[in-house]
């Protein structure tokens, strides 16, 4: 159980660092068996599962929570998790749901991106597999299974973080931190500034130096969802300035190249 709870807390922190709101929901173990399992569900309108959960899940900052990975803290963490209602439609219990304060009830759709299982001795007893303890006594080992759907996560991130213009990548998992948009390729000042920015950002940036209209470049940058857009035009370049756009908020401001790089980090 310590291993099971450790993985649950680690998964919650991992998903939060990825900018995702994951909720562990009691799940059917299915053919794999075992007495205990949880699915990690990312909330998204296009999810395959109908989900029911307590709004208190949305208030907890797992990364900065006080829980440590010792038996005492893990037991308290697990008690908090399981005291809040969360279930997919397969495990939905209307009687328990009715006991949740109405103002805290949430329903929606979700995508499964992880699953953890506690098998206990289901398999080791069946196969008569034993190990020796320090005192020489033979015991059947406890077993567990833990997995993240890495390929499913890409789709889940996009489904959970987008708008009508395209993807909005969370900073922690974005393929590129920024895109550098050269509004007038062939202009000496624009080209020089873009090349200098690209050299400093290296593999953290994508450089759009295509012979395309500005509108097409802006649309493609929004569609691909880079967290930041560094926009270099002839007027700004001549004045030693760039426009910096934050994809998530649409906020746009003017900076020197050095200031823009400092904001991007």
C-alpha atoms as a PDB file:
ATOM      1  CA  UNK A   1       0.000   0.000   0.000  1.00  0.00           C
ATOM      2  CA  UNK A   2       2.921   2.344   0.619  1.00  0.00           C
ATOM      3  CA  UNK A   3       4.098   1.743  -2.946  1.00  0.00           C
ATOM      4  CA  UNK A   4       0.589   2.236  -4.310  1.00  0.00           C
ATOM      5  CA  UNK A   5       0.097   5.523  -2.458  1.00  0.00           C
ATOM      6  CA  UNK A   6       3.583   6.714  -3.407  1.00  0.00           C
ATOM      7  CA  UNK A   7       2.805   6.212  -7.084  1.00  0.00           C
ATOM      8  CA  UNK A   8      -0.560   7.942  -6.762  1.00  0.00           C
ATOM      9  CA  UNK A   9       0.986  11.071  -5.214  1.00  0.00           C
ATOM     10  CA  UNK A  10       3.865  11.053  -7.707  1.00  0.00           C
ATOM     11  CA  UNK A  11       1.420  10.781 -10.610  1.00  0.00           C
ATOM     12  CA  UNK A  12      -0.706  13.654  -9.284  1.00  0.00           C
ATOM     13  CA  UNK A  13       2.385  15.862  -9.062  1.00  0.00           C
ATOM     14  CA  UNK A  14       3.633  14.775 -12.475  1.00  0.00           C
ATOM     15  CA  UNK A  15       0.378  15.635 -14.210  1.00  0.00           C
ATOM     16  CA  UNK A  16       0.118  18.978 -12.403  1.00  0.00           C
ATOM     17  CA  UNK A  17       3.647  19.917 -13.496  1.00  0.00           C
ATOM     18  CA  UNK A  18       2.506  19.201 -17.041  1.00  0.00           C
ATOM     19  CA  UNK A  19      -0.226  21.799 -16.639  1.00  0.00           C
ATOM     20  CA  UNK A  20      -2.979  19.185 -16.456  1.00  0.00           C
ATOM     21  CA  UNK A  21      -5.829  18.719 -14.021  1.00  0.00           C
ATOM     22  CA  UNK A  22      -5.847  14.987 -13.301  1.00  0.00           C
ATOM     23  CA  UNK A  23      -8.316  13.275 -10.998  1.00  0.00           C
ATOM     24  CA  UNK A  24      -7.716   9.729  -9.700  1.00  0.00           C
ATOM     25  CA  UNK A  25     -10.956   7.800  -9.951  1.00  0.00           C
ATOM     26  CA  UNK A  26     -11.860   4.434  -8.516  1.00  0.00           C
ATOM     27  CA  UNK A  27     -11.779   2.027 -11.434  1.00  0.00           C
ATOM     28  CA  UNK A  28     -12.654  -1.500 -12.438  1.00  0.00           C
ATOM     29  CA  UNK A  29      -9.581  -3.723 -12.361  1.00  0.00           C
ATOM     30  CA  UNK A  30     -10.897  -5.742 -15.292  1.00  0.00           C
ATOM     31  CA  UNK A  31      -9.180  -8.940 -16.469  1.00  0.00           C
ATOM     32  CA  UNK A  32      -5.907  -7.925 -14.830  1.00  0.00           C
ATOM     33  CA  UNK A  33      -7.563  -8.362 -11.425  1.00  0.00           C
ATOM     34  CA  UNK A  34      -6.696  -7.115  -7.979  1.00  0.00           C
ATOM     35  CA  UNK A  35      -8.743  -5.452  -5.271  1.00  0.00           C
ATOM     36  CA  UNK A  36      -7.732  -1.827  -5.836  1.00  0.00           C
ATOM     37  CA  UNK A  37      -7.122   0.363  -8.869  1.00  0.00           C
ATOM     38  CA  UNK A  38      -7.426   4.007  -9.901  1.00  0.00           C
ATOM     39  CA  UNK A  39      -7.610   5.651 -13.304  1.00  0.00           C
ATOM     40  CA  UNK A  40      -6.104   9.109 -13.767  1.00  0.00           C
ATOM     41  CA  UNK A  41      -8.581  11.144 -15.768  1.00  0.00           C
ATOM     42  CA  UNK A  42      -7.823  14.411 -17.558  1.00  0.00           C
ATOM     43  CA  UNK A  43     -10.912  16.577 -17.859  1.00  0.00           C
ATOM     44  CA  UNK A  44     -11.755  17.344 -21.494  1.00  0.00           C
ATOM     45  CA  UNK A  45     -15.114  17.850 -23.260  1.00  0.00           C
ATOM     46  CA  UNK A  46     -14.182  15.270 -25.901  1.00  0.00           C
ATOM     47  CA  UNK A  47     -13.226  12.557 -23.398  1.00  0.00           C
ATOM     48  CA  UNK A  48     -14.496   9.024 -23.842  1.00  0.00           C
ATOM     49  CA  UNK A  49     -15.635   8.649 -20.222  1.00  0.00           C
ATOM     50  CA  UNK A  50     -18.436  10.319 -18.317  1.00  0.00           C
ATOM     51  CA  UNK A  51     -17.034  11.350 -14.926  1.00  0.00           C
ATOM     52  CA  UNK A  52     -18.380  12.533 -11.583  1.00  0.00           C
ATOM     53  CA  UNK A  53     -16.171  14.225  -9.006  1.00  0.00           C
ATOM     54  CA  UNK A  54     -16.001  16.482  -5.975  1.00  0.00           C
ATOM     55  CA  UNK A  55     -15.043  20.094  -6.777  1.00  0.00           C
ATOM     56  CA  UNK A  56     -12.521  19.984  -3.916  1.00  0.00           C
ATOM     57  CA  UNK A  57     -10.169  18.110  -6.274  1.00  0.00           C
ATOM     58  CA  UNK A  58      -9.769  21.344  -8.239  1.00  0.00           C
ATOM     59  CA  UNK A  59      -8.511  23.277  -5.192  1.00  0.00           C
ATOM     60  CA  UNK A  60      -5.530  21.124  -4.210  1.00  0.00           C
ATOM     61  CA  UNK A  61      -1.980  22.111  -5.189  1.00  0.00           C
ATOM     62  CA  UNK A  62      -0.337  18.693  -5.182  1.00  0.00           C
ATOM     63  CA  UNK A  63       3.125  19.910  -6.180  1.00  0.00           C
ATOM     64  CA  UNK A  64       3.352  22.239  -3.180  1.00  0.00           C
ATOM     65  CA  UNK A  65       1.280  20.184  -0.763  1.00  0.00           C
ATOM     66  CA  UNK A  66       2.839  19.287   2.583  1.00  0.00           C
ATOM     67  CA  UNK A  67       2.746  15.541   1.918  1.00  0.00           C
ATOM     68  CA  UNK A  68       6.048  13.655   1.960  1.00  0.00           C
ATOM     69  CA  UNK A  69       6.719  10.092   0.805  1.00  0.00           C
ATOM     70  CA  UNK A  70       6.699   8.495   4.240  1.00  0.00           C
ATOM     71  CA  UNK A  71       4.110   6.006   5.467  1.00  0.00           C
ATOM     72  CA  UNK A  72       2.356   8.506   7.776  1.00  0.00           C
ATOM     73  CA  UNK A  73       1.965  11.248   5.148  1.00  0.00           C
ATOM     74  CA  UNK A  74       0.998   8.786   2.433  1.00  0.00           C
ATOM     75  CA  UNK A  75      -1.762   7.360   4.595  1.00  0.00           C
ATOM     76  CA  UNK A  76      -3.112  10.873   5.256  1.00  0.00           C
ATOM     77  CA  UNK A  77      -2.868  11.709   1.551  1.00  0.00           C
ATOM     78  CA  UNK A  78      -4.721   8.548   0.538  1.00  0.00           C
ATOM     79  CA  UNK A  79      -7.395   9.185   3.149  1.00  0.00           C
ATOM     80  CA  UNK A  80      -7.939  12.671   1.733  1.00  0.00           C
ATOM     81  CA  UNK A  81      -8.091  11.330  -1.816  1.00  0.00           C
ATOM     82  CA  UNK A  82     -10.585   8.605  -1.086  1.00  0.00           C
ATOM     83  CA  UNK A  83     -12.787  10.831   1.097  1.00  0.00           C
ATOM     84  CA  UNK A  84     -13.644  12.913  -1.986  1.00  0.00           C
ATOM     85  CA  UNK A  85     -16.017  11.424  -4.523  1.00  0.00           C
ATOM     86  CA  UNK A  86     -14.583  10.626  -7.963  1.00  0.00           C
ATOM     87  CA  UNK A  87     -15.793   7.930 -10.344  1.00  0.00           C
ATOM     88  CA  UNK A  88     -16.305   7.128 -13.993  1.00  0.00           C
ATOM     89  CA  UNK A  89     -19.727   6.027 -15.171  1.00  0.00           C
ATOM     90  CA  UNK A  90     -18.772   2.340 -14.677  1.00  0.00           C
ATOM     91  CA  UNK A  91     -18.161   2.913 -10.950  1.00  0.00           C
ATOM     92  CA  UNK A  92     -20.665   5.703 -10.348  1.00  0.00           C
ATOM     93  CA  UNK A  93     -22.646   5.173  -7.143  1.00  0.00           C
ATOM     94  CA  UNK A  94     -25.742   7.369  -7.094  1.00  0.00           C
ATOM     95  CA  UNK A  95     -26.283   6.838  -3.356  1.00  0.00           C
ATOM     96  CA  UNK A  96     -22.789   8.134  -2.524  1.00  0.00           C
ATOM     97  CA  UNK A  97     -23.125  10.913  -5.092  1.00  0.00           C
ATOM     98  CA  UNK A  98     -26.320  12.122  -3.439  1.00  0.00           C
ATOM     99  CA  UNK A  99     -24.405  12.537  -0.174  1.00  0.00           C
ATOM    100  CA  UNK A 100     -21.949  15.008  -1.783  1.00  0.00           C
ATOM    101  CA  UNK A 101     -22.815  18.630  -1.076  1.00  0.00           C
ATOM    102  CA  UNK A 102     -24.721  19.808  -4.200  1.00  0.00           C
ATOM    103  CA  UNK A 103     -22.507  22.889  -4.639  1.00  0.00           C
ATOM    104  CA  UNK A 104     -19.448  20.613  -4.902  1.00  0.00           C
ATOM    105  CA  UNK A 105     -20.821  18.151  -7.478  1.00  0.00           C
ATOM    106  CA  UNK A 106     -19.144  18.252 -10.859  1.00  0.00           C
ATOM    107  CA  UNK A 107     -19.875  16.207 -13.981  1.00  0.00           C
ATOM    108  CA  UNK A 108     -18.034  16.100 -17.272  1.00  0.00           C
ATOM    109  CA  UNK A 109     -16.018  14.066 -19.734  1.00  0.00           C
ATOM    110  CA  UNK A 110     -12.511  12.767 -19.301  1.00  0.00           C
ATOM    111  CA  UNK A 111      -9.589  10.983 -20.956  1.00  0.00           C
ATOM    112  CA  UNK A 112      -7.693   8.241 -19.133  1.00  0.00           C
ATOM    113  CA  UNK A 113      -3.936   8.898 -19.166  1.00  0.00           C
ATOM    114  CA  UNK A 114      -2.737   6.608 -16.372  1.00  0.00           C
ATOM    115  CA  UNK A 115      -3.750   3.604 -14.293  1.00  0.00           C
ATOM    116  CA  UNK A 116      -2.383   2.064 -11.112  1.00  0.00           C
ATOM    117  CA  UNK A 117      -3.224  -1.365  -9.674  1.00  0.00           C
ATOM    118  CA  UNK A 118      -2.656  -3.144  -6.387  1.00  0.00           C
ATOM    119  CA  UNK A 119      -2.719  -6.917  -6.957  1.00  0.00           C
ATOM    120  CA  UNK A 120      -1.688  -8.012  -3.478  1.00  0.00           C
ATOM    121  CA  UNK A 121      -0.723 -11.693  -3.651  1.00  0.00           C
ATOM    122  CA  UNK A 122      -3.231 -12.623  -6.391  1.00  0.00           C
ATOM    123  CA  UNK A 123      -0.536 -13.804  -8.825  1.00  0.00           C
ATOM    124  CA  UNK A 124       2.266 -14.826  -6.493  1.00  0.00           C
ATOM    125  CA  UNK A 125      -0.027 -17.195  -4.600  1.00  0.00           C
ATOM    126  CA  UNK A 126      -1.429 -18.632  -7.829  1.00  0.00           C
ATOM    127  CA  UNK A 127       2.115 -19.312  -9.084  1.00  0.00           C
ATOM    128  CA  UNK A 128       3.388 -20.277  -5.609  1.00  0.00           C
ATOM    129  CA  UNK A 129       6.106 -17.641  -5.891  1.00  0.00           C
ATOM    130  CA  UNK A 130       7.872 -16.915  -2.601  1.00  0.00           C
ATOM    131  CA  UNK A 131      10.813 -14.924  -1.282  1.00  0.00           C
ATOM    132  CA  UNK A 132      12.654 -15.294   2.003  1.00  0.00           C
ATOM    133  CA  UNK A 133      12.354 -12.609   4.663  1.00  0.00           C
ATOM    134  CA  UNK A 134      15.403 -11.681   6.793  1.00  0.00           C
ATOM    135  CA  UNK A 135      14.267 -14.225   9.396  1.00  0.00           C
ATOM    136  CA  UNK A 136      14.138 -16.970   6.768  1.00  0.00           C
ATOM    137  CA  UNK A 137      10.336 -17.235   6.582  1.00  0.00           C
ATOM    138  CA  UNK A 138       8.931 -17.576   3.070  1.00  0.00           C
ATOM    139  CA  UNK A 139       6.281 -15.081   1.973  1.00  0.00           C
ATOM    140  CA  UNK A 140       4.314 -14.386  -1.190  1.00  0.00           C
ATOM    141  CA  UNK A 141       5.404 -10.961  -2.530  1.00  0.00           C
ATOM    142  CA  UNK A 142       2.865  -8.195  -2.955  1.00  0.00           C
ATOM    143  CA  UNK A 143       2.511  -6.923  -6.514  1.00  0.00           C
ATOM    144  CA  UNK A 144       1.445  -3.703  -8.185  1.00  0.00           C
ATOM    145  CA  UNK A 145       1.290  -2.263 -11.689  1.00  0.00           C
ATOM    146  CA  UNK A 146       1.705   1.375 -12.655  1.00  0.00           C
ATOM    147  CA  UNK A 147       1.518   3.035 -16.059  1.00  0.00           C
ATOM    148  CA  UNK A 148       1.184   6.379 -17.829  1.00  0.00           C
ATOM    149  CA  UNK A 149      -0.268   6.462 -21.344  1.00  0.00           C
ATOM    150  CA  UNK A 150       2.516   8.567 -22.840  1.00  0.00           C
ATOM    151  CA  UNK A 151       1.110   8.651 -26.376  1.00  0.00           C
ATOM    152  CA  UNK A 152      -2.408   9.323 -25.054  1.00  0.00           C
ATOM    153  CA  UNK A 153      -1.050  12.247 -23.043  1.00  0.00           C
ATOM    154  CA  UNK A 154      -0.228  14.222 -26.181  1.00  0.00           C
ATOM    155  CA  UNK A 155      -3.830  14.085 -27.343  1.00  0.00           C
ATOM    156  CA  UNK A 156      -5.123  14.707 -23.817  1.00  0.00           C
ATOM    157  CA  UNK A 157      -2.995  17.839 -23.406  1.00  0.00           C
ATOM    158  CA  UNK A 158      -4.315  19.214 -26.690  1.00  0.00           C
ATOM    159  CA  UNK A 159      -7.929  18.366 -25.871  1.00  0.00           C
ATOM    160  CA  UNK A 160      -7.623  19.972 -22.438  1.00  0.00           C
ATOM    161  CA  UNK A 161      -5.652  23.037 -23.560  1.00  0.00           C
ATOM    162  CA  UNK A 162      -6.785  24.683 -26.790  1.00  0.00           C
ATOM    163  CA  UNK A 163      -9.029  27.381 -28.202  1.00  0.00           C
ATOM    164  CA  UNK A 164     -10.664  28.057 -31.562  1.00  0.00           C
ATOM    165  CA  UNK A 165      -7.290  29.096 -33.033  1.00  0.00           C
ATOM    166  CA  UNK A 166      -5.409  25.915 -32.107  1.00  0.00           C
ATOM    167  CA  UNK A 167      -3.260  24.317 -29.417  1.00  0.00           C
ATOM    168  CA  UNK A 168      -2.126  26.096 -26.242  1.00  0.00           C
ATOM    169  CA  UNK A 169       0.878  24.083 -25.037  1.00  0.00           C
ATOM    170  CA  UNK A 170       1.632  24.291 -21.296  1.00  0.00           C
ATOM    171  CA  UNK A 171       5.187  25.604 -20.861  1.00  0.00           C
ATOM    172  CA  UNK A 172       6.429  22.399 -19.228  1.00  0.00           C
ATOM    173  CA  UNK A 173       5.638  20.148 -22.206  1.00  0.00           C
ATOM    174  CA  UNK A 174       5.750  22.511 -25.189  1.00  0.00           C
ATOM    175  CA  UNK A 175       7.874  21.205 -28.093  1.00  0.00           C
ATOM    176  CA  UNK A 176       9.310  24.729 -28.423  1.00  0.00           C
ATOM    177  CA  UNK A 177       9.287  27.598 -25.930  1.00  0.00           C
ATOM    178  CA  UNK A 178       8.757  30.158 -28.653  1.00  0.00           C
ATOM    179  CA  UNK A 179       8.403  30.821 -32.349  1.00  0.00           C
ATOM    180  CA  UNK A 180      10.330  33.671 -33.939  1.00  0.00           C
ATOM    181  CA  UNK A 181       8.205  35.271 -36.651  1.00  0.00           C
ATOM    182  CA  UNK A 182      10.109  37.259 -39.271  1.00  0.00           C
ATOM    183  CA  UNK A 183       7.517  39.564 -40.816  1.00  0.00           C
ATOM    184  CA  UNK A 184       9.770  40.710 -43.680  1.00  0.00           C
ATOM    185  CA  UNK A 185      12.356  38.196 -44.764  1.00  0.00           C
ATOM    186  CA  UNK A 186      15.064  39.945 -46.768  1.00  0.00           C
ATOM    187  CA  UNK A 187      14.994  43.076 -44.626  1.00  0.00           C
ATOM    188  CA  UNK A 188      18.512  43.339 -43.213  1.00  0.00           C
ATOM    189  CA  UNK A 189      17.458  44.520 -39.734  1.00  0.00           C
ATOM    190  CA  UNK A 190      14.703  41.885 -39.426  1.00  0.00           C
ATOM    191  CA  UNK A 191      16.935  39.063 -40.610  1.00  0.00           C
ATOM    192  CA  UNK A 192      19.809  40.054 -38.318  1.00  0.00           C
ATOM    193  CA  UNK A 193      17.583  40.353 -35.244  1.00  0.00           C
ATOM    194  CA  UNK A 194      15.817  37.041 -35.931  1.00  0.00           C
ATOM    195  CA  UNK A 195      19.085  35.201 -36.502  1.00  0.00           C
ATOM    196  CA  UNK A 196      20.526  36.604 -33.268  1.00  0.00           C
ATOM    197  CA  UNK A 197      17.436  35.567 -31.291  1.00  0.00           C
ATOM    198  CA  UNK A 198      17.454  32.112 -32.847  1.00  0.00           C
ATOM    199  CA  UNK A 199      21.145  31.627 -32.017  1.00  0.00           C
ATOM    200  CA  UNK A 200      20.458  32.425 -28.354  1.00  0.00           C
ATOM    201  CA  UNK A 201      17.345  30.259 -28.041  1.00  0.00           C
ATOM    202  CA  UNK A 202      18.801  27.426 -30.171  1.00  0.00           C
ATOM    203  CA  UNK A 203      16.662  24.266 -29.975  1.00  0.00           C
ATOM    204  CA  UNK A 204      14.113  25.976 -27.696  1.00  0.00           C
ATOM    205  CA  UNK A 205      12.688  27.997 -30.591  1.00  0.00           C
ATOM    206  CA  UNK A 206      11.207  27.542 -34.031  1.00  0.00           C
ATOM    207  CA  UNK A 207      12.119  30.168 -36.640  1.00  0.00           C
ATOM    208  CA  UNK A 208       9.445  31.045 -39.184  1.00  0.00           C
ATOM    209  CA  UNK A 209      11.364  32.674 -42.036  1.00  0.00           C
ATOM    210  CA  UNK A 210       8.979  31.594 -44.796  1.00  0.00           C
ATOM    211  CA  UNK A 211       8.002  33.889 -47.657  1.00  0.00           C
ATOM    212  CA  UNK A 212       4.425  34.060 -46.395  1.00  0.00           C
ATOM    213  CA  UNK A 213       1.952  36.755 -45.479  1.00  0.00           C
ATOM    214  CA  UNK A 214       2.041  37.929 -41.862  1.00  0.00           C
ATOM    215  CA  UNK A 215      -1.518  36.715 -41.303  1.00  0.00           C
ATOM    216  CA  UNK A 216      -0.623  33.187 -42.372  1.00  0.00           C
ATOM    217  CA  UNK A 217       2.380  33.152 -40.040  1.00  0.00           C
ATOM    218  CA  UNK A 218       0.303  34.394 -37.111  1.00  0.00           C
ATOM    219  CA  UNK A 219      -2.386  31.788 -37.788  1.00  0.00           C
ATOM    220  CA  UNK A 220       0.150  28.953 -37.978  1.00  0.00           C
ATOM    221  CA  UNK A 221       1.863  30.092 -34.762  1.00  0.00           C
ATOM    222  CA  UNK A 222      -1.480  30.078 -32.949  1.00  0.00           C
ATOM    223  CA  UNK A 223      -2.397  26.712 -34.441  1.00  0.00           C
ATOM    224  CA  UNK A 224       0.855  25.072 -33.304  1.00  0.00           C
ATOM    225  CA  UNK A 225       0.450  26.649 -29.876  1.00  0.00           C
ATOM    226  CA  UNK A 226       3.983  27.692 -28.898  1.00  0.00           C
ATOM    227  CA  UNK A 227       3.802  29.399 -25.474  1.00  0.00           C
ATOM    228  CA  UNK A 228       5.488  32.573 -26.783  1.00  0.00           C
ATOM    229  CA  UNK A 229       5.630  34.366 -30.128  1.00  0.00           C
ATOM    230  CA  UNK A 230       8.524  36.770 -30.830  1.00  0.00           C
ATOM    231  CA  UNK A 231       7.351  38.998 -33.657  1.00  0.00           C
ATOM    232  CA  UNK A 232      10.008  40.913 -35.581  1.00  0.00           C
ATOM    233  CA  UNK A 233       8.911  43.576 -38.076  1.00  0.00           C
ATOM    234  CA  UNK A 234      10.938  46.198 -39.980  1.00  0.00           C
ATOM    235  CA  UNK A 235       9.773  49.175 -37.891  1.00  0.00           C
ATOM    236  CA  UNK A 236      10.454  47.445 -34.583  1.00  0.00           C
ATOM    237  CA  UNK A 237      13.761  45.982 -35.734  1.00  0.00           C
ATOM    238  CA  UNK A 238      14.976  49.428 -36.786  1.00  0.00           C
ATOM    239  CA  UNK A 239      14.168  50.671 -33.276  1.00  0.00           C
ATOM    240  CA  UNK A 240      15.718  47.624 -31.597  1.00  0.00           C
ATOM    241  CA  UNK A 241      12.365  46.267 -30.425  1.00  0.00           C
ATOM    242  CA  UNK A 242      10.288  43.098 -30.833  1.00  0.00           C
ATOM    243  CA  UNK A 243       6.670  42.291 -30.045  1.00  0.00           C
ATOM    244  CA  UNK A 244       6.168  39.458 -27.578  1.00  0.00           C
ATOM    245  CA  UNK A 245       2.866  37.585 -27.516  1.00  0.00           C
ATOM    246  CA  UNK A 246       1.769  35.123 -24.845  1.00  0.00           C
ATOM    247  CA  UNK A 247      -0.239  32.413 -26.586  1.00  0.00           C
ATOM    248  CA  UNK A 248      -2.410  31.467 -23.604  1.00  0.00           C
ATOM    249  CA  UNK A 249      -3.674  34.979 -22.849  1.00  0.00           C
ATOM    250  CA  UNK A 250      -3.142  36.781 -26.145  1.00  0.00           C
ATOM    251  CA  UNK A 251      -1.283  39.537 -24.260  1.00  0.00           C
ATOM    252  CA  UNK A 252       1.119  41.403 -26.534  1.00  0.00           C
ATOM    253  CA  UNK A 253       3.848  43.835 -25.473  1.00  0.00           C
ATOM    254  CA  UNK A 254       6.949  45.517 -26.877  1.00  0.00           C
ATOM    255  CA  UNK A 255      10.435  44.723 -25.557  1.00  0.00           C
ATOM    256  CA  UNK A 256      14.094  44.781 -26.424  1.00  0.00           C
ATOM    257  CA  UNK A 257      15.345  41.360 -27.563  1.00  0.00           C
ATOM    258  CA  UNK A 258      17.116  40.922 -24.226  1.00  0.00           C
ATOM    259  CA  UNK A 259      13.931  41.691 -22.273  1.00  0.00           C
ATOM    260  CA  UNK A 260      11.954  39.266 -24.427  1.00  0.00           C
ATOM    261  CA  UNK A 261      14.472  36.478 -23.845  1.00  0.00           C
ATOM    262  CA  UNK A 262      14.405  37.124 -20.091  1.00  0.00           C
ATOM    263  CA  UNK A 263      10.602  36.826 -20.022  1.00  0.00           C
ATOM    264  CA  UNK A 264      10.649  33.589 -21.994  1.00  0.00           C
ATOM    265  CA  UNK A 265      13.246  32.151 -19.603  1.00  0.00           C
END
